[in-house]
């Protein structure tokens, strides 16, 4: 998944914040190119 072990184990709040950031930012640049790289 997109979440890293440190963020996932630290707390749900941190992991929740990390998920949208990694998903939204790449999509703004290139949705089609970022999707396969992140996922």
PDB file of N, CA and C in Angstrom:
ATOM      1  N   UNK A   1       0.840  -1.209   0.000  1.00  0.00           N
ATOM      2  CA  UNK A   1       0.000   0.000   0.000  1.00  0.00           C
ATOM      3  C   UNK A   1       0.875   1.259   0.000  1.00  0.00           C
ATOM      4  N   UNK A   2       0.197   2.406  -0.021  1.00  0.00           N
ATOM      5  CA  UNK A   2       0.926   3.668  -0.053  1.00  0.00           C
ATOM      6  C   UNK A   2       1.554   3.992   1.297  1.00  0.00           C
ATOM      7  N   UNK A   3       0.928   3.521   2.374  1.00  0.00           N
ATOM      8  CA  UNK A   3       1.403   3.851   3.714  1.00  0.00           C
ATOM      9  C   UNK A   3       2.693   3.112   4.046  1.00  0.00           C
ATOM     10  N   UNK A   4       3.601   3.810   4.710  1.00  0.00           N
ATOM     11  CA  UNK A   4       4.855   3.188   5.126  1.00  0.00           C
ATOM     12  C   UNK A   4       4.710   2.631   6.532  1.00  0.00           C
ATOM     13  N   UNK A   5       5.500   1.607   6.887  1.00  0.00           N
ATOM     14  CA  UNK A   5       5.442   0.999   8.221  1.00  0.00           C
ATOM     15  C   UNK A   5       5.504   2.023   9.350  1.00  0.00           C
ATOM     16  N   UNK A   6       6.455   2.990   9.334  1.00  0.00           N
ATOM     17  CA  UNK A   6       6.555   3.984  10.416  1.00  0.00           C
ATOM     18  C   UNK A   6       5.256   4.758  10.605  1.00  0.00           C
ATOM     19  N   UNK A   7       4.671   5.224   9.507  1.00  0.00           N
ATOM     20  CA  UNK A   7       3.449   6.024   9.591  1.00  0.00           C
ATOM     21  C   UNK A   7       2.269   5.171  10.043  1.00  0.00           C
ATOM     22  N   UNK A   8       2.233   3.937   9.561  1.00  0.00           N
ATOM     23  CA  UNK A   8       1.096   3.065   9.875  1.00  0.00           C
ATOM     24  C   UNK A   8       1.118   2.627  11.335  1.00  0.00           C
ATOM     25  N   UNK A   9       2.316   2.414  11.876  1.00  0.00           N
ATOM     26  CA  UNK A   9       2.430   1.919  13.245  1.00  0.00           C
ATOM     27  C   UNK A   9       2.394   3.055  14.265  1.00  0.00           C
ATOM     28  N   UNK A  10       2.770   4.271  13.834  1.00  0.00           N
ATOM     29  CA  UNK A  10       2.798   5.420  14.753  1.00  0.00           C
ATOM     30  C   UNK A  10       1.400   5.709  15.279  1.00  0.00           C
ATOM     31  N   UNK A  11       0.487   6.028  14.376  1.00  0.00           N
ATOM     32  CA  UNK A  11      -0.892   6.297  14.788  1.00  0.00           C
ATOM     33  C   UNK A  11      -1.781   6.383  13.559  1.00  0.00           C
ATOM     34  N   UNK A  12      -3.070   6.178  13.758  1.00  0.00           N
ATOM     35  CA  UNK A  12      -4.000   6.219  12.624  1.00  0.00           C
ATOM     36  C   UNK A  12      -4.077   7.628  12.046  1.00  0.00           C
ATOM     37  N   UNK A  13      -3.939   8.635  12.904  1.00  0.00           N
ATOM     38  CA  UNK A  13      -4.034  10.026  12.442  1.00  0.00           C
ATOM     39  C   UNK A  13      -2.913  10.343  11.451  1.00  0.00           C
ATOM     40  N   UNK A  14      -1.685   9.927  11.785  1.00  0.00           N
ATOM     41  CA  UNK A  14      -0.550  10.191  10.907  1.00  0.00           C
ATOM     42  C   UNK A  14      -0.715   9.465   9.577  1.00  0.00           C
ATOM     43  N   UNK A  15      -1.137   8.209   9.636  1.00  0.00           N
ATOM     44  CA  UNK A  15      -1.306   7.422   8.424  1.00  0.00           C
ATOM     45  C   UNK A  15      -2.418   8.008   7.556  1.00  0.00           C
ATOM     46  N   UNK A  16      -3.453   8.543   8.214  1.00  0.00           N
ATOM     47  CA  UNK A  16      -4.566   9.146   7.478  1.00  0.00           C
ATOM     48  C   UNK A  16      -4.117  10.409   6.764  1.00  0.00           C
ATOM     49  N   UNK A  17      -3.222  11.157   7.383  1.00  0.00           N
ATOM     50  CA  UNK A  17      -2.720  12.387   6.775  1.00  0.00           C
ATOM     51  C   UNK A  17      -1.741  12.076   5.651  1.00  0.00           C
ATOM     52  N   UNK A  18      -0.983  11.008   5.800  1.00  0.00           N
ATOM     53  CA  UNK A  18       0.022  10.633   4.810  1.00  0.00           C
ATOM     54  C   UNK A  18      -0.630  10.129   3.524  1.00  0.00           C
ATOM     55  N   UNK A  19      -1.746   9.428   3.646  1.00  0.00           N
ATOM     56  CA  UNK A  19      -2.415   8.844   2.485  1.00  0.00           C
ATOM     57  C   UNK A  19      -2.871   9.899   1.474  1.00  0.00           C
ATOM     58  N   UNK A  20      -3.682  10.901   1.912  1.00  0.00           N
ATOM     59  CA  UNK A  20      -4.170  11.923   0.977  1.00  0.00           C
ATOM     60  C   UNK A  20      -3.031  12.719   0.356  1.00  0.00           C
ATOM     61  N   UNK A  21      -1.995  13.008   1.131  1.00  0.00           N
ATOM     62  CA  UNK A  21      -0.869  13.802   0.626  1.00  0.00           C
ATOM     63  C   UNK A  21      -0.187  13.101  -0.538  1.00  0.00           C
ATOM     64  N   UNK A  22       0.079  11.811  -0.394  1.00  0.00           N
ATOM     65  CA  UNK A  22       0.766  11.070  -1.450  1.00  0.00           C
ATOM     66  C   UNK A  22      -0.139  10.838  -2.662  1.00  0.00           C
ATOM     67  N   UNK A  23      -1.443  10.826  -2.432  1.00  0.00           N
ATOM     68  CA  UNK A  23      -2.382  10.567  -3.528  1.00  0.00           C
ATOM     69  C   UNK A  23      -2.723  11.845  -4.283  1.00  0.00           C
ATOM     70  N   UNK A  24      -3.016  12.925  -3.543  1.00  0.00           N
ATOM     71  CA  UNK A  24      -3.465  14.176  -4.159  1.00  0.00           C
ATOM     72  C   UNK A  24      -2.326  14.889  -4.894  1.00  0.00           C
ATOM     73  N   UNK A  25      -1.174  15.017  -4.269  1.00  0.00           N
ATOM     74  CA  UNK A  25      -0.062  15.750  -4.872  1.00  0.00           C
ATOM     75  C   UNK A  25       0.369  15.172  -6.219  1.00  0.00           C
ATOM     76  N   UNK A  26       0.623  13.852  -6.321  1.00  0.00           N
ATOM     77  CA  UNK A  26       1.012  13.265  -7.601  1.00  0.00           C
ATOM     78  C   UNK A  26      -0.062  13.447  -8.678  1.00  0.00           C
ATOM     79  N   UNK A  27      -1.329  13.351  -8.287  1.00  0.00           N
ATOM     80  CA  UNK A  27      -2.428  13.463  -9.249  1.00  0.00           C
ATOM     81  C   UNK A  27      -2.470  14.854  -9.872  1.00  0.00           C
ATOM     82  N   UNK A  28      -2.061  15.864  -9.121  1.00  0.00           N
ATOM     83  CA  UNK A  28      -2.057  17.232  -9.654  1.00  0.00           C
ATOM     84  C   UNK A  28      -1.049  17.364 -10.783  1.00  0.00           C
ATOM     85  N   UNK A  29       0.068  16.639 -10.657  1.00  0.00           N
ATOM     86  CA  UNK A  29       1.103  16.704 -11.694  1.00  0.00           C
ATOM     87  C   UNK A  29       0.686  15.885 -12.914  1.00  0.00           C
ATOM     88  N   UNK A  30       0.624  14.550 -12.721  1.00  0.00           N
ATOM     89  CA  UNK A  30       0.203  13.664 -13.814  1.00  0.00           C
ATOM     90  C   UNK A  30      -0.564  12.477 -13.238  1.00  0.00           C
ATOM     91  N   UNK A  31      -1.889  12.506 -13.300  1.00  0.00           N
ATOM     92  CA  UNK A  31      -2.743  11.450 -12.735  1.00  0.00           C
ATOM     93  C   UNK A  31      -2.416  10.076 -13.326  1.00  0.00           C
ATOM     94  N   UNK A  32      -2.305   9.997 -14.627  1.00  0.00           N
ATOM     95  CA  UNK A  32      -2.102   8.708 -15.294  1.00  0.00           C
ATOM     96  C   UNK A  32      -0.710   8.156 -15.002  1.00  0.00           C
ATOM     97  N   UNK A  33       0.274   9.041 -14.918  1.00  0.00           N
ATOM     98  CA  UNK A  33       1.652   8.602 -14.698  1.00  0.00           C
ATOM     99  C   UNK A  33       1.908   8.306 -13.222  1.00  0.00           C
ATOM    100  N   UNK A  34       1.234   9.040 -12.340  1.00  0.00           N
ATOM    101  CA  UNK A  34       1.465   8.884 -10.900  1.00  0.00           C
ATOM    102  C   UNK A  34       0.743   7.656 -10.349  1.00  0.00           C
ATOM    103  N   UNK A  35      -0.382   7.303 -10.942  1.00  0.00           N
ATOM    104  CA  UNK A  35      -1.188   6.187 -10.434  1.00  0.00           C
ATOM    105  C   UNK A  35      -0.392   4.878 -10.386  1.00  0.00           C
ATOM    106  N   UNK A  36       0.220   4.439 -11.473  1.00  0.00           N
ATOM    107  CA  UNK A  36       0.955   3.173 -11.459  1.00  0.00           C
ATOM    108  C   UNK A  36       2.191   3.230 -10.557  1.00  0.00           C
ATOM    109  N   UNK A  37       2.825   4.386 -10.445  1.00  0.00           N
ATOM    110  CA  UNK A  37       4.034   4.515  -9.628  1.00  0.00           C
ATOM    111  C   UNK A  37       3.701   4.422  -8.150  1.00  0.00           C
ATOM    112  N   UNK A  38       2.654   5.132  -7.710  1.00  0.00           N
ATOM    113  CA  UNK A  38       2.284   5.137  -6.293  1.00  0.00           C
ATOM    114  C   UNK A  38       1.650   3.812  -5.886  1.00  0.00           C
ATOM    115  N   UNK A  39       0.790   3.290  -6.754  1.00  0.00           N
ATOM    116  CA  UNK A  39       0.093   2.049  -6.419  1.00  0.00           C
ATOM    117  C   UNK A  39       0.988   0.862  -6.770  1.00  0.00           C
TER     118      UNK A  39
END
